All heavy atoms as atom14 arrays in JSON, in Angstrom:
{
  "sequence": "YIDGGSYAETTLSRNCTDLADVALKQRVLRNMSELSLETELF",
  "atom14_mask": [
    [1, 1, 1, 1, 1, 1, 1, 1, 1, 1, 1, 1, 0, 0],
    [1, 1, 1, 1, 1, 1, 1, 1, 0, 0, 0, 0, 0, 0],
    [1, 1, 1, 1, 1, 1, 1, 1, 0, 0, 0, 0, 0, 0],
    [1, 1, 1, 1, 0, 0, 0, 0, 0, 0, 0, 0, 0, 0],
    [1, 1, 1, 1, 0, 0, 0, 0, 0, 0, 0, 0, 0, 0],
    [1, 1, 1, 1, 1, 1, 0, 0, 0, 0, 0, 0, 0, 0],
    [1, 1, 1, 1, 1, 1, 1, 1, 1, 1, 1, 1, 0, 0],
    [1, 1, 1, 1, 1, 0, 0, 0, 0, 0, 0, 0, 0, 0],
    [1, 1, 1, 1, 1, 1, 1, 1, 1, 0, 0, 0, 0, 0],
    [1, 1, 1, 1, 1, 1, 1, 0, 0, 0, 0, 0, 0, 0],
    [1, 1, 1, 1, 1, 1, 1, 0, 0, 0, 0, 0, 0, 0],
    [1, 1, 1, 1, 1, 1, 1, 1, 0, 0, 0, 0, 0, 0],
    [1, 1, 1, 1, 1, 1, 0, 0, 0, 0, 0, 0, 0, 0],
    [1, 1, 1, 1, 1, 1, 1, 1, 1, 1, 1, 0, 0, 0],
    [1, 1, 1, 1, 1, 1, 1, 1, 0, 0, 0, 0, 0, 0],
    [1, 1, 1, 1, 1, 1, 0, 0, 0, 0, 0, 0, 0, 0],
    [1, 1, 1, 1, 1, 1, 1, 0, 0, 0, 0, 0, 0, 0],
    [1, 1, 1, 1, 1, 1, 1, 1, 0, 0, 0, 0, 0, 0],
    [1, 1, 1, 1, 1, 1, 1, 1, 0, 0, 0, 0, 0, 0],
    [1, 1, 1, 1, 1, 0, 0, 0, 0, 0, 0, 0, 0, 0],
    [1, 1, 1, 1, 1, 1, 1, 1, 0, 0, 0, 0, 0, 0],
    [1, 1, 1, 1, 1, 1, 1, 0, 0, 0, 0, 0, 0, 0],
    [1, 1, 1, 1, 1, 0, 0, 0, 0, 0, 0, 0, 0, 0],
    [1, 1, 1, 1, 1, 1, 1, 1, 0, 0, 0, 0, 0, 0],
    [1, 1, 1, 1, 1, 1, 1, 1, 1, 0, 0, 0, 0, 0],
    [1, 1, 1, 1, 1, 1, 1, 1, 1, 0, 0, 0, 0, 0],
    [1, 1, 1, 1, 1, 1, 1, 1, 1, 1, 1, 0, 0, 0],
    [1, 1, 1, 1, 1, 1, 1, 0, 0, 0, 0, 0, 0, 0],
    [1, 1, 1, 1, 1, 1, 1, 1, 0, 0, 0, 0, 0, 0],
    [1, 1, 1, 1, 1, 1, 1, 1, 1, 1, 1, 0, 0, 0],
    [1, 1, 1, 1, 1, 1, 1, 1, 0, 0, 0, 0, 0, 0],
    [1, 1, 1, 1, 1, 1, 1, 1, 0, 0, 0, 0, 0, 0],
    [1, 1, 1, 1, 1, 1, 0, 0, 0, 0, 0, 0, 0, 0],
    [1, 1, 1, 1, 1, 1, 1, 1, 1, 0, 0, 0, 0, 0],
    [1, 1, 1, 1, 1, 1, 1, 1, 0, 0, 0, 0, 0, 0],
    [1, 1, 1, 1, 1, 1, 0, 0, 0, 0, 0, 0, 0, 0],
    [1, 1, 1, 1, 1, 1, 1, 1, 0, 0, 0, 0, 0, 0],
    [1, 1, 1, 1, 1, 1, 1, 1, 1, 0, 0, 0, 0, 0],
    [1, 1, 1, 1, 1, 1, 1, 0, 0, 0, 0, 0, 0, 0],
    [1, 1, 1, 1, 1, 1, 1, 1, 1, 0, 0, 0, 0, 0],
    [1, 1, 1, 1, 1, 1, 1, 1, 0, 0, 0, 0, 0, 0],
    [1, 1, 1, 1, 1, 1, 1, 1, 1, 1, 1, 0, 0, 0]
  ],
  "atom14_positions": [
    [[-1.16, 20.62, -10.98], [0.14, 21.3, -11.01], [1.13, 20.6, -10.08], [2.29, 20.38, -10.44], [-0.01, 22.77, -10.62], [1.32, 23.5, -10.61], [1.96, 23.8, -11.81], [1.93, 23.88, -9.41], [3.19, 24.45, -11.81], [3.15, 24.52, -9.41], [3.78, 24.81, -10.61], [5.0, 25.44, -10.61], [0.0, 0.0, 0.0], [0.0, 0.0, 0.0]],
    [[0.71, 20.24, -8.89], [1.62, 19.58, -7.95], [1.73, 18.09, -8.25], [2.77, 17.47, -8.03], [1.16, 19.8, -6.48], [2.25, 19.36, -5.51], [-0.14, 19.08, -6.19], [3.53, 20.15, -5.59], [0.0, 0.0, 0.0], [0.0, 0.0, 0.0], [0.0, 0.0, 0.0], [0.0, 0.0, 0.0], [0.0, 0.0, 0.0], [0.0, 0.0, 0.0]],
    [[0.69, 17.48, -8.78], [0.65, 16.04, -8.97], [1.34, 15.6, -10.25], [1.81, 14.46, -10.35], [-0.81, 15.57, -8.99], [-0.96, 14.06, -8.87], [-0.58, 13.52, -7.8], [-1.45, 13.43, -9.82], [0.0, 0.0, 0.0], [0.0, 0.0, 0.0], [0.0, 0.0, 0.0], [0.0, 0.0, 0.0], [0.0, 0.0, 0.0], [0.0, 0.0, 0.0]],
    [[1.41, 16.48, -11.23], [1.87, 16.09, -12.56], [3.36, 16.18, -12.76], [4.11, 16.69, -11.93], [0.0, 0.0, 0.0], [0.0, 0.0, 0.0], [0.0, 0.0, 0.0], [0.0, 0.0, 0.0], [0.0, 0.0, 0.0], [0.0, 0.0, 0.0], [0.0, 0.0, 0.0], [0.0, 0.0, 0.0], [0.0, 0.0, 0.0], [0.0, 0.0, 0.0]],
    [[3.8, 15.66, -13.91], [5.2, 15.71, -14.3], [5.32, 16.23, -15.72], [4.39, 16.83, -16.26], [0.0, 0.0, 0.0], [0.0, 0.0, 0.0], [0.0, 0.0, 0.0], [0.0, 0.0, 0.0], [0.0, 0.0, 0.0], [0.0, 0.0, 0.0], [0.0, 0.0, 0.0], [0.0, 0.0, 0.0], [0.0, 0.0, 0.0], [0.0, 0.0, 0.0]],
    [[6.46, 15.98, -16.33], [6.7, 16.49, -17.69], [6.46, 15.4, -18.72], [6.56, 14.2, -18.44], [8.14, 17.01, -17.81], [9.07, 15.96, -17.59], [0.0, 0.0, 0.0], [0.0, 0.0, 0.0], [0.0, 0.0, 0.0], [0.0, 0.0, 0.0], [0.0, 0.0, 0.0], [0.0, 0.0, 0.0], [0.0, 0.0, 0.0], [0.0, 0.0, 0.0]],
    [[6.12, 15.85, -19.92], [5.92, 14.97, -21.07], [4.96, 13.83, -20.72], [3.86, 14.06, -20.24], [7.26, 14.45, -21.6], [8.17, 15.56, -22.07], [9.07, 16.17, -21.2], [8.11, 16.02, -23.39], [9.9, 17.2, -21.64], [8.94, 17.04, -23.84], [9.83, 17.63, -22.95], [10.63, 18.65, -23.37], [0.0, 0.0, 0.0], [0.0, 0.0, 0.0]],
    [[5.37, 12.56, -20.92], [4.51, 11.41, -20.67], [4.55, 10.97, -19.2], [3.91, 9.98, -18.84], [4.91, 10.24, -21.56], [0.0, 0.0, 0.0], [0.0, 0.0, 0.0], [0.0, 0.0, 0.0], [0.0, 0.0, 0.0], [0.0, 0.0, 0.0], [0.0, 0.0, 0.0], [0.0, 0.0, 0.0], [0.0, 0.0, 0.0], [0.0, 0.0, 0.0]],
    [[5.29, 11.67, -18.38], [5.39, 11.42, -16.94], [5.98, 10.04, -16.63], [5.69, 9.43, -15.6], [4.03, 11.59, -16.26], [3.44, 12.99, -16.46], [2.17, 13.24, -15.68], [1.6, 12.27, -15.11], [1.73, 14.41, -15.62], [0.0, 0.0, 0.0], [0.0, 0.0, 0.0], [0.0, 0.0, 0.0], [0.0, 0.0, 0.0], [0.0, 0.0, 0.0]],
    [[6.87, 9.58, -17.49], [7.52, 8.28, -17.28], [8.45, 8.33, -16.07], [8.41, 7.43, -15.2], [8.33, 7.88, -18.53], [7.45, 7.85, -19.66], [8.98, 6.52, -18.35], [0.0, 0.0, 0.0], [0.0, 0.0, 0.0], [0.0, 0.0, 0.0], [0.0, 0.0, 0.0], [0.0, 0.0, 0.0], [0.0, 0.0, 0.0], [0.0, 0.0, 0.0]],
    [[9.26, 9.35, -15.98], [10.18, 9.47, -14.84], [9.41, 9.69, -13.55], [9.78, 9.15, -12.5], [11.18, 10.6, -15.08], [11.99, 10.29, -16.24], [12.1, 10.79, -13.89], [0.0, 0.0, 0.0], [0.0, 0.0, 0.0], [0.0, 0.0, 0.0], [0.0, 0.0, 0.0], [0.0, 0.0, 0.0], [0.0, 0.0, 0.0], [0.0, 0.0, 0.0]],
    [[8.35, 10.47, -13.62], [7.5, 10.67, -12.44], [7.03, 9.33, -11.89], [7.1, 9.08, -10.68], [6.3, 11.54, -12.82], [5.18, 11.67, -11.79], [5.67, 12.37, -10.53], [3.99, 12.42, -12.38], [0.0, 0.0, 0.0], [0.0, 0.0, 0.0], [0.0, 0.0, 0.0], [0.0, 0.0, 0.0], [0.0, 0.0, 0.0], [0.0, 0.0, 0.0]],
    [[6.58, 8.47, -12.76], [6.1, 7.16, -12.33], [7.23, 6.28, -11.81], [7.11, 5.64, -10.76], [5.4, 6.46, -13.5], [5.01, 5.15, -13.17], [0.0, 0.0, 0.0], [0.0, 0.0, 0.0], [0.0, 0.0, 0.0], [0.0, 0.0, 0.0], [0.0, 0.0, 0.0], [0.0, 0.0, 0.0], [0.0, 0.0, 0.0], [0.0, 0.0, 0.0]],
    [[8.36, 6.28, -12.5], [9.49, 5.43, -12.11], [10.1, 5.85, -10.78], [10.66, 5.02, -10.07], [10.55, 5.43, -13.21], [10.15, 4.64, -14.45], [11.19, 4.74, -15.53], [10.79, 4.0, -16.73], [11.4, 4.11, -17.91], [12.43, 4.95, -18.05], [10.98, 3.4, -18.93], [0.0, 0.0, 0.0], [0.0, 0.0, 0.0], [0.0, 0.0, 0.0]],
    [[10.01, 7.12, -10.47], [10.53, 7.56, -9.16], [9.92, 6.74, -8.03], [10.62, 6.36, -7.08], [10.22, 9.04, -8.94], [11.18, 9.97, -9.63], [12.33, 9.61, -9.91], [10.73, 11.18, -9.93], [0.0, 0.0, 0.0], [0.0, 0.0, 0.0], [0.0, 0.0, 0.0], [0.0, 0.0, 0.0], [0.0, 0.0, 0.0], [0.0, 0.0, 0.0]],
    [[8.63, 6.47, -8.13], [7.93, 5.71, -7.08], [8.07, 4.21, -7.26], [8.34, 3.49, -6.29], [6.45, 6.1, -7.05], [6.15, 7.82, -6.56], [0.0, 0.0, 0.0], [0.0, 0.0, 0.0], [0.0, 0.0, 0.0], [0.0, 0.0, 0.0], [0.0, 0.0, 0.0], [0.0, 0.0, 0.0], [0.0, 0.0, 0.0], [0.0, 0.0, 0.0]],
    [[7.91, 3.72, -8.49], [7.94, 2.27, -8.7], [9.34, 1.69, -8.48], [9.48, 0.61, -7.89], [7.42, 1.9, -10.09], [8.2, 2.59, -11.09], [5.95, 2.29, -10.25], [0.0, 0.0, 0.0], [0.0, 0.0, 0.0], [0.0, 0.0, 0.0], [0.0, 0.0, 0.0], [0.0, 0.0, 0.0], [0.0, 0.0, 0.0], [0.0, 0.0, 0.0]],
    [[10.36, 2.4, -8.95], [11.73, 1.92, -8.73], [12.07, 1.88, -7.24], [12.75, 0.97, -6.77], [12.74, 2.81, -9.47], [12.71, 2.61, -10.98], [12.04, 1.66, -11.45], [13.33, 3.42, -11.7], [0.0, 0.0, 0.0], [0.0, 0.0, 0.0], [0.0, 0.0, 0.0], [0.0, 0.0, 0.0], [0.0, 0.0, 0.0], [0.0, 0.0, 0.0]],
    [[11.6, 2.88, -6.53], [11.88, 2.94, -5.09], [11.14, 1.82, -4.36], [11.69, 1.18, -3.45], [11.48, 4.3, -4.54], [11.86, 4.66, -3.12], [13.33, 4.37, -2.83], [11.54, 6.12, -2.84], [0.0, 0.0, 0.0], [0.0, 0.0, 0.0], [0.0, 0.0, 0.0], [0.0, 0.0, 0.0], [0.0, 0.0, 0.0], [0.0, 0.0, 0.0]],
    [[9.91, 1.56, -4.76], [9.14, 0.48, -4.13], [9.76, -0.89, -4.38], [9.56, -1.83, -3.6], [7.7, 0.51, -4.63], [0.0, 0.0, 0.0], [0.0, 0.0, 0.0], [0.0, 0.0, 0.0], [0.0, 0.0, 0.0], [0.0, 0.0, 0.0], [0.0, 0.0, 0.0], [0.0, 0.0, 0.0], [0.0, 0.0, 0.0], [0.0, 0.0, 0.0]],
    [[10.52, -1.02, -5.47], [11.15, -2.3, -5.81], [12.4, -2.59, -4.99], [12.93, -3.71, -5.05], [11.51, -2.33, -7.3], [10.28, -2.51, -8.19], [9.24, -2.96, -7.68], [10.36, -2.16, -9.39], [0.0, 0.0, 0.0], [0.0, 0.0, 0.0], [0.0, 0.0, 0.0], [0.0, 0.0, 0.0], [0.0, 0.0, 0.0], [0.0, 0.0, 0.0]],
    [[12.89, -1.6, -4.25], [14.07, -1.83, -3.41], [13.64, -2.66, -2.2], [12.84, -2.21, -1.38], [14.69, -0.49, -2.95], [15.85, -0.75, -1.99], [15.16, 0.32, -4.16], [0.0, 0.0, 0.0], [0.0, 0.0, 0.0], [0.0, 0.0, 0.0], [0.0, 0.0, 0.0], [0.0, 0.0, 0.0], [0.0, 0.0, 0.0], [0.0, 0.0, 0.0]],
    [[14.14, -3.87, -2.11], [13.69, -4.82, -1.08], [14.55, -4.71, 0.18], [15.78, -4.79, 0.13], [13.76, -6.25, -1.63], [0.0, 0.0, 0.0], [0.0, 0.0, 0.0], [0.0, 0.0, 0.0], [0.0, 0.0, 0.0], [0.0, 0.0, 0.0], [0.0, 0.0, 0.0], [0.0, 0.0, 0.0], [0.0, 0.0, 0.0], [0.0, 0.0, 0.0]],
    [[13.88, -4.52, 1.3], [14.55, -4.46, 2.59], [14.81, -5.87, 3.11], [14.05, -6.81, 2.85], [13.7, -3.69, 3.59], [13.45, -2.22, 3.25], [12.35, -1.65, 4.15], [14.71, -1.4, 3.39], [0.0, 0.0, 0.0], [0.0, 0.0, 0.0], [0.0, 0.0, 0.0], [0.0, 0.0, 0.0], [0.0, 0.0, 0.0], [0.0, 0.0, 0.0]],
    [[15.9, -6.03, 3.86], [16.25, -7.32, 4.45], [15.77, -7.37, 5.89], [16.21, -6.59, 6.73], [17.76, -7.53, 4.41], [18.22, -8.9, 4.95], [19.73, -8.97, 5.04], [20.36, -8.93, 3.65], [21.84, -9.07, 3.72], [0.0, 0.0, 0.0], [0.0, 0.0, 0.0], [0.0, 0.0, 0.0], [0.0, 0.0, 0.0], [0.0, 0.0, 0.0]],
    [[14.86, -8.27, 6.17], [14.32, -8.38, 7.54], [15.28, -9.15, 8.44], [15.79, -10.21, 8.07], [12.96, -9.08, 7.51], [12.34, -9.23, 8.89], [10.89, -9.65, 8.84], [10.05, -8.97, 8.25], [10.58, -10.79, 9.45], [0.0, 0.0, 0.0], [0.0, 0.0, 0.0], [0.0, 0.0, 0.0], [0.0, 0.0, 0.0], [0.0, 0.0, 0.0]],
    [[15.51, -8.58, 9.63], [16.3, -9.24, 10.67], [15.5, -9.23, 11.97], [14.8, -8.25, 12.26], [17.63, -8.5, 10.88], [18.52, -8.42, 9.64], [18.97, -9.79, 9.15], [19.65, -10.56, 10.18], [20.97, -10.46, 10.45], [21.72, -9.61, 9.76], [21.5, -11.21, 11.38], [0.0, 0.0, 0.0], [0.0, 0.0, 0.0], [0.0, 0.0, 0.0]],
    [[15.62, -10.28, 12.76], [14.81, -10.4, 13.97], [15.69, -10.68, 15.19], [16.89, -10.99, 15.06], [13.75, -11.51, 13.82], [12.77, -11.16, 12.72], [14.41, -12.87, 13.55], [0.0, 0.0, 0.0], [0.0, 0.0, 0.0], [0.0, 0.0, 0.0], [0.0, 0.0, 0.0], [0.0, 0.0, 0.0], [0.0, 0.0, 0.0], [0.0, 0.0, 0.0]],
    [[15.08, -10.54, 16.37], [15.74, -10.82, 17.65], [17.03, -10.02, 17.81], [18.09, -10.54, 18.16], [16.02, -12.32, 17.79], [14.78, -13.24, 17.71], [15.19, -14.7, 17.75], [13.81, -12.91, 18.83], [0.0, 0.0, 0.0], [0.0, 0.0, 0.0], [0.0, 0.0, 0.0], [0.0, 0.0, 0.0], [0.0, 0.0, 0.0], [0.0, 0.0, 0.0]],
    [[16.94, -8.71, 17.55], [18.12, -7.84, 17.57], [18.12, -6.87, 18.75], [18.93, -5.96, 18.79], [18.19, -7.04, 16.26], [18.07, -7.88, 14.99], [19.3, -8.65, 14.66], [20.36, -7.78, 14.19], [21.54, -8.2, 13.74], [21.79, -9.5, 13.73], [22.45, -7.35, 13.33], [0.0, 0.0, 0.0], [0.0, 0.0, 0.0], [0.0, 0.0, 0.0]],
    [[17.17, -7.01, 19.68], [17.04, -6.1, 20.82], [16.96, -4.65, 20.35], [17.92, -3.87, 20.46], [18.18, -6.26, 21.82], [17.98, -5.38, 23.07], [16.89, -4.8, 23.27], [19.0, -5.27, 23.89], [0.0, 0.0, 0.0], [0.0, 0.0, 0.0], [0.0, 0.0, 0.0], [0.0, 0.0, 0.0], [0.0, 0.0, 0.0], [0.0, 0.0, 0.0]],
    [[15.81, -4.27, 19.84], [15.6, -2.94, 19.27], [14.88, -2.02, 20.26], [14.11, -1.15, 19.86], [14.82, -3.06, 17.97], [15.5, -3.89, 16.9], [17.11, -3.22, 16.44], [16.6, -1.67, 15.72], [0.0, 0.0, 0.0], [0.0, 0.0, 0.0], [0.0, 0.0, 0.0], [0.0, 0.0, 0.0], [0.0, 0.0, 0.0], [0.0, 0.0, 0.0]],
    [[15.13, -2.2, 21.55], [14.46, -1.38, 22.57], [14.9, 0.08, 22.5], [14.16, 0.98, 22.91], [14.72, -1.94, 23.96], [16.11, -2.03, 24.21], [0.0, 0.0, 0.0], [0.0, 0.0, 0.0], [0.0, 0.0, 0.0], [0.0, 0.0, 0.0], [0.0, 0.0, 0.0], [0.0, 0.0, 0.0], [0.0, 0.0, 0.0], [0.0, 0.0, 0.0]],
    [[16.08, 0.33, 22.0], [16.57, 1.71, 21.84], [16.8, 1.98, 20.36], [17.59, 1.3, 19.71], [17.87, 1.91, 22.63], [17.69, 1.81, 24.14], [18.96, 2.13, 24.89], [19.93, 2.58, 24.24], [18.99, 1.92, 26.11], [0.0, 0.0, 0.0], [0.0, 0.0, 0.0], [0.0, 0.0, 0.0], [0.0, 0.0, 0.0], [0.0, 0.0, 0.0]],
    [[16.1, 2.97, 19.86], [16.15, 3.27, 18.44], [16.13, 4.79, 18.26], [15.32, 5.48, 18.88], [14.96, 2.62, 17.73], [14.93, 2.6, 16.2], [14.1, 1.41, 15.71], [14.34, 3.89, 15.64], [0.0, 0.0, 0.0], [0.0, 0.0, 0.0], [0.0, 0.0, 0.0], [0.0, 0.0, 0.0], [0.0, 0.0, 0.0], [0.0, 0.0, 0.0]],
    [[17.0, 5.31, 17.42], [17.08, 6.76, 17.21], [16.95, 7.1, 15.74], [17.57, 6.47, 14.87], [18.42, 7.29, 17.74], [18.56, 8.67, 17.42], [0.0, 0.0, 0.0], [0.0, 0.0, 0.0], [0.0, 0.0, 0.0], [0.0, 0.0, 0.0], [0.0, 0.0, 0.0], [0.0, 0.0, 0.0], [0.0, 0.0, 0.0], [0.0, 0.0, 0.0]],
    [[16.12, 8.11, 15.47], [15.96, 8.62, 14.11], [16.65, 9.97, 13.92], [16.52, 10.6, 12.87], [14.46, 8.78, 13.78], [13.59, 7.52, 13.91], [12.16, 7.85, 13.51], [14.13, 6.39, 13.06], [0.0, 0.0, 0.0], [0.0, 0.0, 0.0], [0.0, 0.0, 0.0], [0.0, 0.0, 0.0], [0.0, 0.0, 0.0], [0.0, 0.0, 0.0]],
    [[17.38, 10.4, 14.93], [18.03, 11.71, 14.87], [19.25, 11.69, 13.95], [19.91, 10.66, 13.78], [18.46, 12.16, 16.27], [17.31, 12.42, 17.21], [17.79, 12.89, 18.58], [19.02, 12.91, 18.8], [16.93, 13.21, 19.43], [0.0, 0.0, 0.0], [0.0, 0.0, 0.0], [0.0, 0.0, 0.0], [0.0, 0.0, 0.0], [0.0, 0.0, 0.0]],
    [[19.53, 12.84, 13.36], [20.72, 12.99, 12.55], [21.2, 14.44, 12.64], [20.56, 15.27, 13.29], [20.46, 12.6, 11.08], [21.7, 12.55, 10.37], [19.53, 13.61, 10.4], [0.0, 0.0, 0.0], [0.0, 0.0, 0.0], [0.0, 0.0, 0.0], [0.0, 0.0, 0.0], [0.0, 0.0, 0.0], [0.0, 0.0, 0.0], [0.0, 0.0, 0.0]],
    [[22.31, 14.72, 12.01], [22.86, 16.08, 12.01], [23.34, 16.43, 10.61], [24.0, 15.63, 9.94], [24.03, 16.18, 13.01], [24.5, 17.6, 13.23], [25.54, 17.72, 14.35], [25.18, 17.45, 15.51], [26.69, 18.05, 14.04], [0.0, 0.0, 0.0], [0.0, 0.0, 0.0], [0.0, 0.0, 0.0], [0.0, 0.0, 0.0], [0.0, 0.0, 0.0]],
    [[22.96, 17.62, 10.17], [23.38, 18.13, 8.86], [23.89, 19.55, 9.03], [23.18, 20.4, 9.57], [22.2, 18.14, 7.89], [21.86, 16.89, 7.07], [20.67, 17.2, 6.17], [23.04, 16.42, 6.24], [0.0, 0.0, 0.0], [0.0, 0.0, 0.0], [0.0, 0.0, 0.0], [0.0, 0.0, 0.0], [0.0, 0.0, 0.0], [0.0, 0.0, 0.0]],
    [[25.11, 19.8, 8.6], [25.66, 21.15, 8.62], [25.53, 21.77, 10.02], [25.1, 22.92, 10.18], [24.96, 22.04, 7.58], [24.79, 21.36, 6.24], [23.52, 21.16, 5.71], [25.88, 20.91, 5.52], [23.34, 20.53, 4.48], [25.71, 20.28, 4.29], [24.44, 20.09, 3.77], [0.0, 0.0, 0.0], [0.0, 0.0, 0.0], [0.0, 0.0, 0.0]]
  ]
}
C-alpha cells in the first residue's frame, strides 16, 4: 500500500529516476567550515 503507485507505476518510477539524473556540479577549495541547513517557512 505504501510502496505502490497507480496503474503501471510509470510515474512512480520516474519520480526517482528523473531525480537521480539531475547532475550536481562539484566545486572544491571553497572554505566550507561553516555550513547551515536551517531555513524558515511561514
